[in-house]
């Protein structure tokens, strides 16, 4: 298991769920705190230059854990289930660029609210639109070794794919091995019957996990039992990234430090296989 933190460009929306803004300073700050990687929250693939990114990663001994795309929907309004085929093609073209970037960095591209809401449309119609787009993107991503990871999001932010079982059902409909799930324990705390047991039950679909406490602050600042969650996913054999996607409060530096100080000992214990015995 490795620990990552979500970062964005300086032009990210104030509402973006990232801790740090400014790639160059953020990567170095995260490295100093002990994170193993950074999750790049992008609006466009050209927000960051691959050569400069690689130099920063080499300098800091860091990795890119994932390309996340929440700002595509929040800022640009694009969605992969838009009724207008031209808008869908625009979204697909943007995701092809993310996939090209992920082929060099991280091999994972997140799909969150950019999938679009049902919003009064037929759910079967929206699922069919998304299935067609997902299958096309998976076919493009597969030769590059890239996996698309669908993030269930709670009902207060979208009405399409809220829980892990919702996501599993859609994965089975899509039927592509490089389309998997990116559960977020904050959303799971609202939507799922449990967190650790649900992750364990559906582990074959889980590729990446977002961490935030019950109040969207750094782990340790709310009421979620992260030790119990880690024990469950260790028992199920999870060996991927966990990434901190939290509010940058009380300040970005404090939030990032709180998360690192709380989670890094758990990650070390996880990797040493001692969580069951201690």
Foldseek 3Di string as FASTA:
>chain_A
DFEEFEEEAPPADPPALGLYYHVLVVLQLLLVLPGQEYEYEDLALVPDDVVVNVVSCVVSVHAHQEHEYPCVCVPVVQACQDPDVVSNVVVLVRVLSRLVSCLVGNLEYEDECSNDACVPPDLVSSLVSSLVSVLVSLVSNVVSSHAYAYEAPDPVVHHQRQEPVSVVVSCVVSVRQRYAYEYEVLSCVVPPPDAQVVCLVPVSRYAEYEYAEVVQAAPVPHPDDVLSNLVSVLVSPDDGYYYYRGNNPPHSSVRSNSNSVVCVVVVVCSVVVCSVPD
